[in-house]
Amino acid sequence: MKKNILILIIILIISVFIYGVFVGTYKIFPYDELNSVKSITLNEKTIPDQQNTIYENNVNELIQIKDNNDISKLRNNLTNFIW
């Protein structure tokens, strides 16, 4: 009886190891879930740096207020939008 349980445990361990190798090699289920847990655990950035630098390089182009008239237009538009 103990010999059968030991053989079953060894077969189970080998099967789990082989499945783990296939997950890492062929990126089958649950590779995406494990990869996201890894990135969260190691505090890796999930957004590529190229997307972050779009706004960092063009901040002046995002600012559309140039004078007092633009400020009053924006204030009126915001007031109308909110109320």
N, C-alpha and C. Protein backbone atom coordinates (compact mmCIF):
# COMPACT_ATOMS: atom_id res chain seq x y z
N MET A 1 0.83 -1.20 0.00
CA MET A 1 0.00 0.00 0.00
C MET A 1 0.87 1.26 0.00
N LYS A 2 1.88 1.32 0.88
CA LYS A 2 2.77 2.48 0.93
C LYS A 2 3.57 2.60 -0.35
N LYS A 3 3.89 1.47 -0.95
CA LYS A 3 4.66 1.49 -2.19
C LYS A 3 3.81 2.08 -3.33
N ASN A 4 2.52 1.77 -3.37
CA ASN A 4 1.63 2.31 -4.40
C ASN A 4 1.45 3.83 -4.24
N ILE A 5 1.33 4.28 -3.01
CA ILE A 5 1.18 5.72 -2.76
C ILE A 5 2.46 6.45 -3.13
N LEU A 6 3.60 5.88 -2.83
CA LEU A 6 4.87 6.50 -3.16
C LEU A 6 5.04 6.60 -4.68
N ILE A 7 4.68 5.55 -5.40
CA ILE A 7 4.76 5.58 -6.86
C ILE A 7 3.80 6.63 -7.43
N LEU A 8 2.60 6.71 -6.87
CA LEU A 8 1.62 7.70 -7.32
C LEU A 8 2.13 9.12 -7.08
N ILE A 9 2.74 9.37 -5.94
CA ILE A 9 3.28 10.70 -5.64
C ILE A 9 4.43 11.04 -6.58
N ILE A 10 5.31 10.09 -6.86
CA ILE A 10 6.42 10.32 -7.79
C ILE A 10 5.89 10.62 -9.19
N ILE A 11 4.90 9.88 -9.66
CA ILE A 11 4.31 10.13 -10.98
C ILE A 11 3.66 11.51 -11.02
N LEU A 12 2.98 11.89 -9.93
CA LEU A 12 2.34 13.21 -9.87
C LEU A 12 3.38 14.33 -9.92
N ILE A 13 4.46 14.18 -9.19
CA ILE A 13 5.51 15.21 -9.18
C ILE A 13 6.15 15.33 -10.57
N ILE A 14 6.43 14.22 -11.20
CA ILE A 14 7.02 14.24 -12.54
C ILE A 14 6.06 14.89 -13.54
N SER A 15 4.76 14.56 -13.42
CA SER A 15 3.77 15.14 -14.34
C SER A 15 3.67 16.66 -14.17
N VAL A 16 3.67 17.11 -12.92
CA VAL A 16 3.58 18.55 -12.66
C VAL A 16 4.83 19.26 -13.18
N PHE A 17 5.99 18.65 -13.02
CA PHE A 17 7.23 19.24 -13.52
C PHE A 17 7.20 19.35 -15.05
N ILE A 18 6.78 18.28 -15.71
CA ILE A 18 6.72 18.29 -17.18
C ILE A 18 5.72 19.34 -17.67
N TYR A 19 4.57 19.46 -17.00
CA TYR A 19 3.59 20.47 -17.38
C TYR A 19 4.16 21.87 -17.18
N GLY A 20 4.91 22.08 -16.11
CA GLY A 20 5.55 23.37 -15.88
C GLY A 20 6.54 23.73 -16.96
N VAL A 21 7.29 22.73 -17.44
CA VAL A 21 8.24 22.96 -18.52
C VAL A 21 7.49 23.34 -19.79
N PHE A 22 6.37 22.67 -20.08
CA PHE A 22 5.58 23.00 -21.27
C PHE A 22 4.97 24.40 -21.16
N VAL A 23 4.53 24.79 -19.97
CA VAL A 23 3.96 26.13 -19.78
C VAL A 23 5.02 27.18 -20.09
N GLY A 24 6.22 27.00 -19.59
CA GLY A 24 7.28 27.99 -19.83
C GLY A 24 7.78 27.99 -21.25
N THR A 25 7.82 26.83 -21.88
CA THR A 25 8.37 26.72 -23.23
C THR A 25 7.38 27.16 -24.30
N TYR A 26 6.16 26.65 -24.21
CA TYR A 26 5.18 26.89 -25.27
C TYR A 26 4.15 27.96 -24.92
N LYS A 27 4.31 28.56 -23.74
CA LYS A 27 3.44 29.65 -23.28
C LYS A 27 1.97 29.27 -23.35
N ILE A 28 1.65 28.09 -22.85
CA ILE A 28 0.26 27.64 -22.77
C ILE A 28 -0.31 28.05 -21.42
N PHE A 29 -1.61 27.80 -21.22
CA PHE A 29 -2.27 28.15 -19.96
C PHE A 29 -1.51 27.54 -18.80
N PRO A 30 -1.27 28.24 -17.78
CA PRO A 30 -1.59 29.59 -17.31
C PRO A 30 -0.41 30.54 -17.43
N TYR A 31 0.27 30.56 -18.56
CA TYR A 31 1.48 31.38 -18.73
C TYR A 31 1.18 32.86 -18.53
N ASP A 32 0.11 33.39 -19.15
CA ASP A 32 -0.19 34.82 -19.04
C ASP A 32 -0.46 35.23 -17.59
N GLU A 33 -1.21 34.38 -16.87
CA GLU A 33 -1.52 34.70 -15.48
C GLU A 33 -0.25 34.68 -14.63
N LEU A 34 0.60 33.70 -14.83
CA LEU A 34 1.84 33.63 -14.07
C LEU A 34 2.78 34.79 -14.41
N ASN A 35 2.80 35.19 -15.67
CA ASN A 35 3.64 36.30 -16.10
C ASN A 35 3.16 37.61 -15.48
N SER A 36 1.84 37.81 -15.39
CA SER A 36 1.34 39.04 -14.78
C SER A 36 1.60 39.05 -13.27
N VAL A 37 1.50 37.89 -12.61
CA VAL A 37 1.83 37.82 -11.19
C VAL A 37 3.30 38.13 -10.98
N LYS A 38 4.16 37.64 -11.86
CA LYS A 38 5.59 37.91 -11.77
C LYS A 38 5.88 39.40 -11.91
N SER A 39 5.23 40.04 -12.90
CA SER A 39 5.50 41.47 -13.12
C SER A 39 4.98 42.31 -11.96
N ILE A 40 3.87 41.91 -11.35
CA ILE A 40 3.36 42.65 -10.19
C ILE A 40 4.28 42.44 -8.99
N THR A 41 4.74 41.21 -8.80
CA THR A 41 5.59 40.90 -7.66
C THR A 41 6.93 41.61 -7.75
N LEU A 42 7.50 41.69 -8.95
CA LEU A 42 8.80 42.30 -9.12
C LEU A 42 8.73 43.79 -9.46
N ASN A 43 7.52 44.38 -9.41
CA ASN A 43 7.29 45.79 -9.70
C ASN A 43 7.81 46.17 -11.08
N GLU A 44 7.62 45.30 -12.05
CA GLU A 44 8.02 45.62 -13.42
C GLU A 44 6.95 46.49 -14.06
N LYS A 45 7.37 47.34 -14.98
CA LYS A 45 6.41 48.18 -15.69
C LYS A 45 5.65 47.31 -16.68
N THR A 46 4.31 47.45 -16.66
CA THR A 46 3.51 46.69 -17.61
C THR A 46 3.28 47.47 -18.89
N ILE A 47 3.50 48.80 -18.87
CA ILE A 47 3.34 49.63 -20.06
C ILE A 47 4.73 49.89 -20.63
N PRO A 48 4.92 49.66 -21.91
CA PRO A 48 6.24 49.92 -22.49
C PRO A 48 6.64 51.38 -22.34
N ASP A 49 7.95 51.63 -22.24
CA ASP A 49 8.45 52.99 -22.05
C ASP A 49 8.11 53.90 -23.21
N GLN A 50 7.93 53.36 -24.41
CA GLN A 50 7.63 54.19 -25.57
C GLN A 50 6.30 54.91 -25.39
N GLN A 51 5.32 54.28 -24.77
CA GLN A 51 4.03 54.92 -24.56
C GLN A 51 4.14 56.02 -23.52
N ASN A 52 4.99 55.86 -22.53
CA ASN A 52 5.15 56.89 -21.49
C ASN A 52 5.86 58.12 -22.03
N THR A 53 6.79 57.96 -22.96
CA THR A 53 7.57 59.09 -23.44
C THR A 53 6.81 59.95 -24.44
N ILE A 54 5.68 59.50 -24.92
CA ILE A 54 4.90 60.30 -25.86
C ILE A 54 4.51 61.62 -25.20
N TYR A 55 4.01 61.58 -23.98
CA TYR A 55 3.56 62.79 -23.30
C TYR A 55 4.72 63.53 -22.65
N GLU A 56 5.75 62.83 -22.25
CA GLU A 56 6.87 63.50 -21.63
C GLU A 56 7.60 64.41 -22.61
N ASN A 57 7.65 64.03 -23.87
CA ASN A 57 8.37 64.81 -24.86
C ASN A 57 7.53 65.95 -25.44
N ASN A 58 6.20 65.86 -25.39
CA ASN A 58 5.34 66.83 -26.05
C ASN A 58 4.42 67.54 -25.06
N VAL A 59 4.90 67.84 -23.87
CA VAL A 59 4.06 68.47 -22.86
C VAL A 59 3.62 69.86 -23.31
N ASN A 60 4.50 70.62 -23.92
CA ASN A 60 4.15 71.97 -24.35
C ASN A 60 3.05 71.96 -25.41
N GLU A 61 2.98 70.91 -26.20
CA GLU A 61 1.92 70.83 -27.21
C GLU A 61 0.57 70.51 -26.58
N LEU A 62 0.56 69.92 -25.40
CA LEU A 62 -0.70 69.60 -24.73
C LEU A 62 -1.33 70.82 -24.08
N ILE A 63 -0.53 71.83 -23.74
CA ILE A 63 -1.05 73.04 -23.10
C ILE A 63 -1.59 73.95 -24.18
N GLN A 64 -2.89 74.23 -24.09
CA GLN A 64 -3.54 75.01 -25.14
C GLN A 64 -3.94 76.41 -24.66
N ILE A 65 -3.57 76.78 -23.46
CA ILE A 65 -3.90 78.09 -22.93
C ILE A 65 -2.72 79.01 -23.21
N LYS A 66 -2.98 80.05 -24.01
CA LYS A 66 -1.91 80.97 -24.40
C LYS A 66 -2.09 82.37 -23.81
N ASP A 67 -3.35 82.78 -23.58
CA ASP A 67 -3.58 84.12 -23.06
C ASP A 67 -4.85 84.14 -22.20
N ASN A 68 -5.26 85.34 -21.75
CA ASN A 68 -6.42 85.48 -20.87
C ASN A 68 -7.73 85.09 -21.55
N ASN A 69 -7.83 85.33 -22.85
CA ASN A 69 -9.05 84.95 -23.57
C ASN A 69 -9.25 83.44 -23.55
N ASP A 70 -8.17 82.69 -23.68
CA ASP A 70 -8.28 81.23 -23.62
C ASP A 70 -8.73 80.77 -22.24
N ILE A 71 -8.26 81.46 -21.21
CA ILE A 71 -8.67 81.11 -19.84
C ILE A 71 -10.16 81.35 -19.65
N SER A 72 -10.66 82.48 -20.10
CA SER A 72 -12.09 82.76 -19.93
C SER A 72 -12.94 81.79 -20.75
N LYS A 73 -12.50 81.45 -21.97
CA LYS A 73 -13.24 80.47 -22.78
C LYS A 73 -13.29 79.12 -22.08
N LEU A 74 -12.17 78.71 -21.54
CA LEU A 74 -12.11 77.43 -20.85
C LEU A 74 -12.98 77.45 -19.59
N ARG A 75 -12.96 78.55 -18.85
CA ARG A 75 -13.78 78.68 -17.65
C ARG A 75 -15.27 78.61 -18.01
N ASN A 76 -15.67 79.30 -19.07
CA ASN A 76 -17.08 79.25 -19.49
C ASN A 76 -17.48 77.86 -19.95
N ASN A 77 -16.62 77.22 -20.71
CA ASN A 77 -16.93 75.86 -21.17
C ASN A 77 -17.06 74.89 -20.02
N LEU A 78 -16.17 75.01 -19.03
CA LEU A 78 -16.25 74.13 -17.87
C LEU A 78 -17.49 74.40 -17.04
N THR A 79 -17.84 75.67 -16.89
CA THR A 79 -19.06 76.03 -16.16
C THR A 79 -20.29 75.46 -16.84
N ASN A 80 -20.37 75.62 -18.15
CA ASN A 80 -21.51 75.07 -18.90
C ASN A 80 -21.54 73.56 -18.83
N PHE A 81 -20.38 72.92 -18.86
CA PHE A 81 -20.34 71.47 -18.80
C PHE A 81 -20.81 70.96 -17.45
N ILE A 82 -20.35 71.62 -16.38
CA ILE A 82 -20.68 71.14 -15.04
C ILE A 82 -22.13 71.45 -14.70
N TRP A 83 -22.62 72.66 -15.02
CA TRP A 83 -23.97 73.05 -14.64
C TRP A 83 -24.93 72.85 -15.76
